[in-house]
């Protein structure tokens, strides 16, 4: 399947390269052999664990930022 058909777009395009680096960092932490390019040899469970853990880490970082006394409202 070609990446050109993907509807997965970053909300902040400037963050795309940072998110990509983060994805490989998380995959490495979890022991998922993610490579640049085709990863069709990975299971849905492996791929899902990377995405799920990324979300978990992003939520934890946001919670830390919100609890640090910031008065910014959303």
Protein backbone atom coordinates (compact mmCIF):
# COMPACT_ATOMS: atom_id res chain seq x y z
CA UNK A 1 0.00 0.00 0.00
CA UNK A 2 1.35 3.40 -0.96
CA UNK A 3 1.84 6.18 1.57
CA UNK A 4 0.46 8.66 -0.97
CA UNK A 5 -3.07 7.42 -0.20
CA UNK A 6 -2.74 8.00 3.53
CA UNK A 7 -5.22 10.37 5.15
CA UNK A 8 -3.09 10.51 8.30
CA UNK A 9 -2.04 14.14 8.46
CA UNK A 10 -0.27 15.93 11.30
CA UNK A 11 -2.34 18.68 12.93
CA UNK A 12 0.87 20.72 13.05
CA UNK A 13 2.87 19.91 9.89
CA UNK A 14 6.02 21.43 11.41
CA UNK A 15 5.96 18.63 14.02
CA UNK A 16 6.02 15.80 11.46
CA UNK A 17 9.75 15.07 11.69
CA UNK A 18 9.70 15.20 15.50
CA UNK A 19 6.74 12.81 15.60
CA UNK A 20 8.54 10.46 13.23
CA UNK A 21 11.64 10.44 15.46
CA UNK A 22 9.40 9.87 18.48
CA UNK A 23 7.76 6.89 16.74
CA UNK A 24 11.14 5.21 16.17
CA UNK A 25 12.24 5.99 19.74
CA UNK A 26 9.09 4.36 21.15
CA UNK A 27 9.41 1.37 18.82
CA UNK A 28 12.97 0.88 20.02
CA UNK A 29 11.88 1.09 23.68
CA UNK A 30 9.22 -1.56 23.06
CA UNK A 31 11.52 -3.81 21.03
CA UNK A 32 9.43 -3.47 17.86
CA UNK A 33 11.70 -3.80 14.79
CA UNK A 34 10.28 -0.76 12.97
CA UNK A 35 12.24 0.20 9.87
CA UNK A 36 12.15 3.15 7.52
CA UNK A 37 9.90 2.15 4.64
CA UNK A 38 7.76 -0.97 4.39
CA UNK A 39 6.78 -2.60 7.69
CA UNK A 40 4.15 -5.04 6.46
CA UNK A 41 5.96 -7.86 8.23
CA UNK A 42 4.91 -6.44 11.62
CA UNK A 43 1.73 -7.56 13.32
CA UNK A 44 -1.19 -5.27 14.10
CA UNK A 45 -0.39 -5.80 17.77
CA UNK A 46 3.19 -4.59 17.29
CA UNK A 47 2.15 -1.53 15.31
CA UNK A 48 -0.69 -0.76 17.70
CA UNK A 49 1.60 -0.98 20.71
CA UNK A 50 3.84 1.72 19.21
CA UNK A 51 0.93 4.07 18.53
CA UNK A 52 -0.70 3.37 21.88
CA UNK A 53 2.49 3.97 23.83
CA UNK A 54 3.14 7.18 21.90
CA UNK A 55 -0.28 8.47 22.95
CA UNK A 56 0.32 7.41 26.55
CA UNK A 57 3.64 9.27 26.69
CA UNK A 58 2.16 12.39 25.07
CA UNK A 59 -0.72 12.44 27.57
CA UNK A 60 1.70 12.02 30.48
CA UNK A 61 3.83 14.90 29.19
CA UNK A 62 0.77 17.14 28.83
CA UNK A 63 -0.45 16.23 32.32
CA UNK A 64 2.96 17.12 33.76
CA UNK A 65 2.89 20.45 31.92
CA UNK A 66 -0.65 21.20 33.11
CA UNK A 67 0.15 20.33 36.72
CA UNK A 68 3.26 22.51 36.82
CA UNK A 69 1.20 25.54 37.74
CA UNK A 70 0.52 26.82 34.26
CA UNK A 71 -2.55 29.04 34.22
CA UNK A 72 -3.14 28.62 30.49
CA UNK A 73 -6.76 27.80 29.70
CA UNK A 74 -7.95 25.52 26.91
